[in-house]
Amino acid sequence: MKLKYIIYAVLILSIGLLIYYRISKNKELSSESGAKGPMNKAITVDGIILKPQEFSNTILVSGSIGANEQVQLRSQISGIITQIYFQEGSKVFKGQVLVKIDDTELQAQLSELQIRANLASENEKRASQLLKKEGISQEEYDISLSSLKSLQAQEYIIRAQIAKTLIKAPFNGVIGLRNVSVGEYLSADIIIANLVNINPIKITFSIPEKYASSMKVNTKVAFTTAGNTKKFIGIVYAIEPEIDAVTRTLQLRAKASNETGELLPGSFANIELPLSTVKDALLVPTEAVIPIQDGKKVFIVENGKAKEAIIETSSRTEKDLFVLSGLQAGDTVLTSGVMSLKAGTAVKVKLTNIDQQ
């Protein structure tokens, strides 16, 4: 019986050792395969060789388009509208009469004052002659003169009121939709229409505080509007003298020609603002850049393997980023498959900016 148990024990031990050997061998083969496979097999990727080039350092900001001049037309006095002299959406000129308010009552008051003023003027003349002959006292003459001047002042006030019954355009522009009709009672709180001058137009925008020292009057800016790829050019003519303490931005305003009238006040503007021109700039395509927690990185090639390079960038264009540090001229930057690369991965580079080597 003892021999039987010994034989069973030897068989079980032999099977266990065989299993352990196979498992260990499989692990070694798997390890060798992993070491020799992906790491040694070169991955084909696209890349560019960095070359210094001239770069116009610009920032992209947003702004809004406004009219050169804009006003809501209102009346300074109340009354019934008797005439409207403009067509909606038409051009008007400075000083052009737009609306007439009934002035019948004011004209009657003016006529009465003119009669009284004429009589007071005759009385003043007679009093002056009597004063010279010492027929009246100086005090009596002063009373007649004061009465004349009071009536003349009242006449001036009435004439000013009558002038206000003619509502005129304060500047050249285009008048909008009217909100009143003939026969309507017009008061100071009613908007007759909007009058705008849209040639030139103004573009108002803000830039980050760090760029404030680079801003100068007469700087040219390029901008586009929503739904329009055409580029327009404006010139900065005014800069706010202080930084906004809340937003930490500086506000600027530019003017641009609008002969065709295609730029409308209230539109959104995408603005390219030039800061400086760098002669030997290094630019990398945006698809090569990988955002990381503390900044950005790219992969370059060193001895046939991918290597991480932490970079610092500044401005950007539609396709490239301006690199401030982390790369040098002549570095080969990988531009495809970067999200799946790891440091040390063997790569075969297909150059896209120079002849293949």
Protein backbone atom coordinates (compact mmCIF):
# COMPACT_ATOMS: atom_id res chain seq x y z
CA MET A 1 0.00 0.00 0.00
CA LYS A 2 2.79 2.39 0.85
CA LEU A 3 4.38 1.85 -2.55
CA LYS A 4 1.09 2.72 -4.22
CA TYR A 5 0.85 6.08 -2.42
CA ILE A 6 4.46 6.85 -3.24
CA ILE A 7 3.82 6.25 -6.94
CA TYR A 8 0.72 8.54 -6.80
CA ALA A 9 2.74 11.28 -5.10
CA VAL A 10 5.53 11.07 -7.70
CA LEU A 11 3.00 11.30 -10.56
CA ILE A 12 1.22 14.33 -9.03
CA LEU A 13 4.55 16.08 -8.42
CA SER A 14 5.69 15.36 -11.99
CA ILE A 15 2.48 16.79 -13.46
CA GLY A 16 2.80 19.90 -11.25
CA LEU A 17 6.39 20.48 -12.34
CA LEU A 18 5.39 20.06 -15.99
CA ILE A 19 2.58 22.62 -15.66
CA TYR A 20 4.89 25.09 -13.88
CA TYR A 21 7.52 24.68 -16.61
CA ARG A 22 5.01 25.34 -19.41
CA ILE A 23 3.63 28.44 -17.69
CA SER A 24 7.12 29.88 -17.13
CA LYS A 25 8.14 29.12 -20.72
CA ASN A 26 5.03 30.82 -22.08
CA LYS A 27 5.75 33.92 -20.00
CA GLU A 28 9.29 34.10 -21.32
CA LEU A 29 8.12 33.75 -24.92
CA SER A 30 5.44 36.40 -24.40
CA SER A 31 7.98 38.75 -22.84
CA GLU A 32 10.43 38.25 -25.67
CA SER A 33 7.71 38.72 -28.25
CA GLY A 34 6.62 41.96 -26.61
CA ALA A 35 10.17 43.23 -26.40
CA LYS A 36 11.07 42.36 -29.97
CA GLY A 37 7.70 43.08 -31.58
CA PRO A 38 6.08 46.53 -31.27
CA MET A 39 9.16 48.33 -29.93
CA ASN A 40 11.40 47.01 -32.66
CA LYS A 41 8.93 47.25 -35.51
CA ALA A 42 9.11 50.79 -36.90
CA ILE A 43 5.82 52.70 -37.33
CA THR A 44 5.48 54.83 -40.47
CA VAL A 45 4.41 58.41 -39.62
CA ASP A 46 4.42 61.80 -41.31
CA GLY A 47 6.80 64.51 -40.19
CA ILE A 48 8.30 67.88 -41.04
CA ILE A 49 11.74 69.34 -40.56
CA LEU A 50 11.51 72.68 -38.79
CA LYS A 51 12.90 75.61 -40.73
CA PRO A 52 13.05 79.25 -39.55
CA GLN A 53 10.58 81.44 -41.42
CA GLU A 54 9.10 84.92 -41.22
CA PHE A 55 5.97 85.06 -39.10
CA SER A 56 3.58 87.93 -38.54
CA ASN A 57 2.71 87.58 -34.89
CA THR A 58 -1.02 88.28 -34.58
CA ILE A 59 -3.76 87.70 -32.07
CA LEU A 60 -7.34 86.77 -32.90
CA VAL A 61 -10.02 88.68 -31.00
CA SER A 62 -13.70 89.31 -31.44
CA GLY A 63 -15.48 92.63 -31.59
CA SER A 64 -18.64 94.34 -32.71
CA ILE A 65 -19.40 96.69 -35.58
CA GLY A 66 -21.10 99.97 -34.81
CA ALA A 67 -22.32 102.95 -36.78
CA ASN A 68 -20.11 105.99 -37.25
CA GLU A 69 -22.99 108.08 -35.88
CA GLN A 70 -26.36 106.87 -34.60
CA VAL A 71 -29.31 108.64 -33.02
CA GLN A 72 -32.95 108.01 -32.13
CA LEU A 73 -34.94 110.90 -33.58
CA ARG A 74 -37.29 112.50 -31.05
CA SER A 75 -39.14 115.77 -30.74
CA GLN A 76 -38.22 118.42 -28.18
CA ILE A 77 -41.81 119.64 -28.04
CA SER A 78 -45.22 118.00 -28.14
CA GLY A 79 -47.84 118.43 -30.85
CA ILE A 80 -49.72 116.98 -33.79
CA ILE A 81 -47.65 115.79 -36.77
CA THR A 82 -48.74 117.63 -39.91
CA GLN A 83 -46.09 116.44 -42.39
CA ILE A 84 -43.53 113.63 -42.78
CA TYR A 85 -40.89 114.41 -45.39
CA PHE A 86 -38.79 111.23 -45.50
CA GLN A 87 -39.08 107.74 -46.94
CA GLU A 88 -38.16 104.79 -44.73
CA GLY A 89 -34.70 103.39 -45.51
CA SER A 90 -33.69 106.44 -47.57
CA LYS A 91 -30.59 108.60 -47.37
CA VAL A 92 -31.01 112.00 -45.74
CA PHE A 93 -28.67 114.94 -45.36
CA LYS A 94 -27.67 117.12 -42.46
CA GLY A 95 -30.23 119.90 -41.93
CA GLN A 96 -32.94 118.21 -44.02
CA VAL A 97 -36.45 118.63 -42.59
CA LEU A 98 -37.89 115.23 -41.67
CA VAL A 99 -41.06 115.95 -39.68
CA LYS A 100 -43.30 119.04 -39.18
CA ILE A 101 -45.35 119.54 -36.01
CA ASP A 102 -48.41 121.82 -35.93
CA ASP A 103 -47.32 125.31 -34.83
CA THR A 104 -50.65 127.20 -35.25
CA GLU A 105 -50.90 128.12 -31.59
CA LEU A 106 -47.28 129.19 -31.39
CA GLN A 107 -47.67 131.38 -34.50
CA ALA A 108 -50.68 133.09 -32.87
CA GLN A 109 -48.66 133.72 -29.70
CA LEU A 110 -45.85 135.13 -31.81
CA SER A 111 -48.21 137.54 -33.61
CA GLU A 112 -49.57 138.80 -30.30
CA LEU A 113 -46.09 139.34 -28.90
CA GLN A 114 -44.97 141.17 -32.02
CA ILE A 115 -47.88 143.65 -31.64
CA ARG A 116 -47.12 144.18 -27.97
CA ALA A 117 -43.41 144.52 -28.69
CA ASN A 118 -44.04 147.13 -31.39
CA LEU A 119 -46.18 149.14 -28.98
CA ALA A 120 -43.56 148.83 -26.25
CA SER A 121 -40.90 149.98 -28.72
CA GLU A 122 -42.92 153.16 -29.49
CA ASN A 123 -43.41 153.80 -25.79
CA GLU A 124 -39.65 153.41 -25.19
CA LYS A 125 -38.88 155.95 -27.94
CA ARG A 126 -41.30 158.53 -26.48
CA ALA A 127 -39.96 157.93 -22.99
CA SER A 128 -36.41 158.43 -24.26
CA GLN A 129 -37.34 161.81 -25.79
CA LEU A 130 -39.10 162.91 -22.60
CA LEU A 131 -36.10 161.86 -20.52
CA LYS A 132 -33.86 164.09 -22.61
CA LYS A 133 -36.24 167.02 -21.94
CA GLU A 134 -36.42 166.01 -18.28
CA GLY A 135 -40.16 165.39 -18.72
CA ILE A 136 -39.92 162.04 -16.87
CA SER A 137 -37.59 160.52 -14.38
CA GLN A 138 -34.91 157.95 -15.14
CA GLU A 139 -36.91 155.37 -13.22
CA GLU A 140 -39.96 155.86 -15.48
CA TYR A 141 -37.82 155.43 -18.57
CA ASP A 142 -36.22 152.28 -17.16
CA ILE A 143 -39.68 150.78 -16.66
CA SER A 144 -40.64 151.33 -20.31
CA LEU A 145 -37.29 149.90 -21.50
CA SER A 146 -37.65 146.88 -19.25
CA SER A 147 -41.14 146.21 -20.63
CA LEU A 148 -39.76 146.28 -24.21
CA LYS A 149 -36.89 143.89 -23.43
CA SER A 150 -39.22 141.45 -21.65
CA LEU A 151 -41.49 141.26 -24.68
CA GLN A 152 -38.50 140.82 -27.01
CA ALA A 153 -37.26 137.94 -24.83
CA GLN A 154 -40.68 136.29 -24.94
CA GLU A 155 -40.73 136.67 -28.72
CA TYR A 156 -37.31 134.96 -28.93
CA ILE A 157 -38.61 132.04 -26.84
CA ILE A 158 -41.66 131.60 -29.07
CA ARG A 159 -39.50 131.68 -32.22
CA ALA A 160 -37.26 128.99 -30.68
CA GLN A 161 -40.33 126.85 -29.96
CA ILE A 162 -41.53 127.30 -33.55
CA ALA A 163 -38.10 126.25 -34.86
CA LYS A 164 -38.40 123.04 -32.84
CA THR A 165 -41.58 122.11 -34.72
CA LEU A 166 -39.30 121.34 -37.66
CA ILE A 167 -37.37 118.14 -36.85
CA LYS A 168 -34.19 118.04 -38.94
CA ALA A 169 -31.48 115.47 -39.61
CA PRO A 170 -28.45 116.16 -37.37
CA PHE A 171 -26.06 114.48 -39.83
CA ASN A 172 -25.91 112.64 -43.17
CA GLY A 173 -27.12 109.07 -42.95
CA VAL A 174 -29.77 106.46 -43.64
CA ILE A 175 -33.08 106.71 -41.82
CA GLY A 176 -34.75 103.54 -40.60
CA LEU A 177 -38.35 102.47 -40.12
CA ARG A 178 -40.66 105.20 -38.84
CA ASN A 179 -42.85 104.70 -35.80
CA VAL A 180 -45.23 107.66 -36.31
CA SER A 181 -47.85 108.85 -38.80
CA VAL A 182 -49.36 112.15 -39.90
CA GLY A 183 -52.04 113.26 -37.42
CA GLU A 184 -50.42 111.46 -34.48
CA TYR A 185 -49.74 113.35 -31.27
CA LEU A 186 -45.99 113.41 -30.82
CA SER A 187 -44.31 113.74 -27.43
CA ALA A 188 -40.69 113.70 -26.34
CA ASP A 189 -40.78 110.02 -25.31
CA ILE A 190 -41.81 108.75 -28.76
CA ILE A 191 -39.04 107.61 -31.13
CA ILE A 192 -39.75 108.86 -34.65
CA ALA A 193 -37.10 106.66 -36.33
CA ASN A 194 -33.43 105.70 -36.09
CA LEU A 195 -30.86 107.63 -38.10
CA VAL A 196 -27.47 106.03 -38.71
CA ASN A 197 -24.32 106.95 -40.57
CA ILE A 198 -22.61 103.70 -41.67
CA ASN A 199 -19.76 105.00 -43.82
CA PRO A 200 -17.31 104.62 -42.25
CA ILE A 201 -18.21 102.06 -39.58
CA LYS A 202 -16.54 101.62 -36.19
CA ILE A 203 -15.19 98.33 -34.81
CA THR A 204 -14.91 98.09 -31.03
CA PHE A 205 -12.85 95.27 -29.49
CA SER A 206 -10.74 94.38 -26.48
CA ILE A 207 -7.32 92.74 -26.12
CA PRO A 208 -5.65 91.00 -23.14
CA GLU A 209 -3.68 93.24 -20.81
CA LYS A 210 -0.32 91.66 -21.74
CA TYR A 211 -0.57 93.05 -25.29
CA ALA A 212 -1.45 96.61 -24.22
CA SER A 213 2.07 97.99 -24.70
CA SER A 214 2.10 96.78 -28.32
CA MET A 215 -0.93 98.78 -29.35
CA LYS A 216 -0.52 101.99 -31.34
CA VAL A 217 -2.91 104.38 -33.02
CA ASN A 218 -3.01 103.95 -36.85
CA THR A 219 -2.39 100.19 -36.58
CA LYS A 220 -4.09 98.33 -39.43
CA VAL A 221 -6.36 95.42 -38.53
CA ALA A 222 -8.03 92.83 -40.76
CA PHE A 223 -11.48 91.49 -39.93
CA THR A 224 -14.28 89.35 -41.28
CA THR A 225 -17.96 89.12 -40.40
CA ALA A 226 -20.27 86.16 -39.86
CA GLY A 227 -21.25 84.49 -43.11
CA ASN A 228 -18.76 86.52 -45.15
CA THR A 229 -15.21 85.37 -45.94
CA LYS A 230 -14.23 88.72 -47.43
CA LYS A 231 -11.49 90.47 -45.46
CA PHE A 232 -11.94 94.12 -44.57
CA ILE A 233 -9.24 96.51 -43.37
CA GLY A 234 -9.66 98.96 -40.51
CA ILE A 235 -7.36 101.45 -38.81
CA VAL A 236 -7.18 101.89 -35.04
CA TYR A 237 -7.97 105.52 -34.22
CA ALA A 238 -8.66 105.46 -30.47
CA ILE A 239 -7.39 103.49 -27.46
CA GLU A 240 -8.94 103.51 -24.00
CA PRO A 241 -6.45 105.16 -21.59
CA GLU A 242 -6.84 102.49 -18.89
CA ILE A 243 -7.09 98.73 -18.39
CA ASP A 244 -10.48 97.38 -17.34
CA ALA A 245 -9.90 96.23 -13.76
CA VAL A 246 -12.57 93.51 -13.98
CA THR A 247 -11.76 91.87 -17.33
CA ARG A 248 -8.05 92.84 -17.42
CA THR A 249 -8.45 93.96 -21.03
CA LEU A 250 -7.80 97.10 -23.02
CA GLN A 251 -10.50 98.45 -25.32
CA LEU A 252 -9.70 99.80 -28.78
CA ARG A 253 -11.73 101.26 -31.63
CA ALA A 254 -11.01 101.21 -35.36
CA LYS A 255 -12.68 102.69 -38.43
CA ALA A 256 -13.23 101.01 -41.79
CA SER A 257 -14.66 102.20 -45.09
CA ASN A 258 -18.15 100.94 -45.91
CA GLU A 259 -18.88 102.39 -49.34
CA THR A 260 -21.04 99.42 -50.38
CA GLY A 261 -23.00 99.36 -47.12
CA GLU A 262 -22.47 95.61 -46.64
CA LEU A 263 -21.14 96.08 -43.09
CA LEU A 264 -24.10 96.55 -40.76
CA PRO A 265 -23.99 97.96 -37.21
CA GLY A 266 -24.47 95.27 -34.59
CA SER A 267 -22.61 92.62 -36.60
CA PHE A 268 -20.01 90.35 -34.99
CA ALA A 269 -16.41 90.83 -36.20
CA ASN A 270 -13.47 88.37 -36.13
CA ILE A 271 -10.34 90.50 -35.92
CA GLU A 272 -6.70 89.73 -36.71
CA LEU A 273 -4.53 92.17 -34.81
CA PRO A 274 -0.82 92.32 -35.77
CA LEU A 275 1.65 92.56 -32.91
CA SER A 276 5.08 92.12 -34.49
CA THR A 277 7.00 90.33 -37.26
CA VAL A 278 9.43 87.57 -36.26
CA LYS A 279 12.15 86.88 -38.85
CA ASP A 280 13.29 83.41 -37.66
CA ALA A 281 10.14 81.87 -36.23
CA LEU A 282 9.56 78.15 -35.74
CA LEU A 283 6.04 77.01 -36.59
CA VAL A 284 4.51 73.59 -35.95
CA PRO A 285 1.21 72.32 -37.37
CA THR A 286 -1.65 72.25 -34.89
CA GLU A 287 -2.20 68.52 -35.50
CA ALA A 288 1.29 67.80 -34.14
CA VAL A 289 0.61 69.43 -30.78
CA ILE A 290 -0.75 67.42 -27.85
CA PRO A 291 -2.26 69.27 -24.86
CA ILE A 292 -0.98 68.06 -21.49
CA GLN A 293 -1.64 69.07 -17.91
CA ASP A 294 1.10 71.69 -17.66
CA GLY A 295 1.21 72.86 -21.27
CA LYS A 296 1.80 71.25 -24.66
CA LYS A 297 4.09 68.64 -26.18
CA VAL A 298 5.12 67.26 -29.56
CA PHE A 299 7.02 64.19 -30.69
CA ILE A 300 10.33 64.57 -32.48
CA VAL A 301 12.67 61.95 -33.93
CA GLU A 302 15.97 61.09 -32.28
CA ASN A 303 18.03 58.10 -33.43
CA GLY A 304 15.05 56.63 -35.24
CA LYS A 305 12.80 56.74 -32.18
CA ALA A 306 10.01 59.05 -31.03
CA LYS A 307 10.95 61.49 -28.27
CA GLU A 308 8.67 63.83 -26.31
CA ALA A 309 9.44 67.58 -26.41
CA ILE A 310 7.63 69.96 -24.07
CA ILE A 311 7.00 73.24 -25.90
CA GLU A 312 5.87 76.75 -25.07
CA THR A 313 3.74 78.48 -27.70
CA SER A 314 2.40 81.96 -28.35
CA SER A 315 0.18 83.05 -31.23
CA ARG A 316 -1.46 80.76 -33.73
CA THR A 317 -2.73 80.88 -37.27
CA GLU A 318 -5.40 78.70 -38.84
CA LYS A 319 -2.86 75.88 -39.33
CA ASP A 320 0.23 76.53 -37.18
CA LEU A 321 1.41 77.43 -33.70
CA PHE A 322 4.31 79.80 -33.05
CA VAL A 323 6.83 77.98 -30.81
CA LEU A 324 8.71 80.05 -28.24
CA SER A 325 10.81 77.27 -26.68
CA GLY A 326 11.32 73.50 -26.65
CA LEU A 327 12.32 73.01 -30.29
CA GLN A 328 15.22 73.95 -32.55
CA ALA A 329 15.63 74.47 -36.27
CA GLY A 330 16.33 71.10 -37.92
CA ASP A 331 14.22 69.07 -35.50
CA THR A 332 11.92 66.56 -37.18
CA VAL A 333 8.43 66.95 -35.74
CA LEU A 334 5.95 64.12 -36.18
CA THR A 335 2.56 65.21 -37.52
CA SER A 336 0.51 62.00 -37.76
CA GLY A 337 -0.38 59.23 -35.33
CA VAL A 338 0.90 61.32 -32.43
CA MET A 339 -1.92 60.32 -30.07
CA SER A 340 -0.88 56.67 -30.21
CA LEU A 341 2.89 57.24 -29.97
CA LYS A 342 4.99 56.66 -26.89
CA ALA A 343 8.50 57.80 -26.09
CA GLY A 344 10.99 55.30 -27.47
CA THR A 345 8.72 53.94 -30.20
CA ALA A 346 10.66 53.16 -33.37
CA VAL A 347 9.38 55.30 -36.24
CA LYS A 348 9.93 55.61 -39.95
CA VAL A 349 9.31 59.20 -41.01
CA LYS A 350 7.69 60.25 -44.24
CA LEU A 351 8.76 63.86 -44.70
CA THR A 352 6.12 66.24 -46.01
CA ASN A 353 8.02 69.51 -46.24
CA ILE A 354 11.15 68.39 -48.11
CA ASP A 355 12.03 65.67 -50.60
CA GLN A 356 11.81 62.20 -49.10
CA GLN A 357 15.14 60.84 -47.89
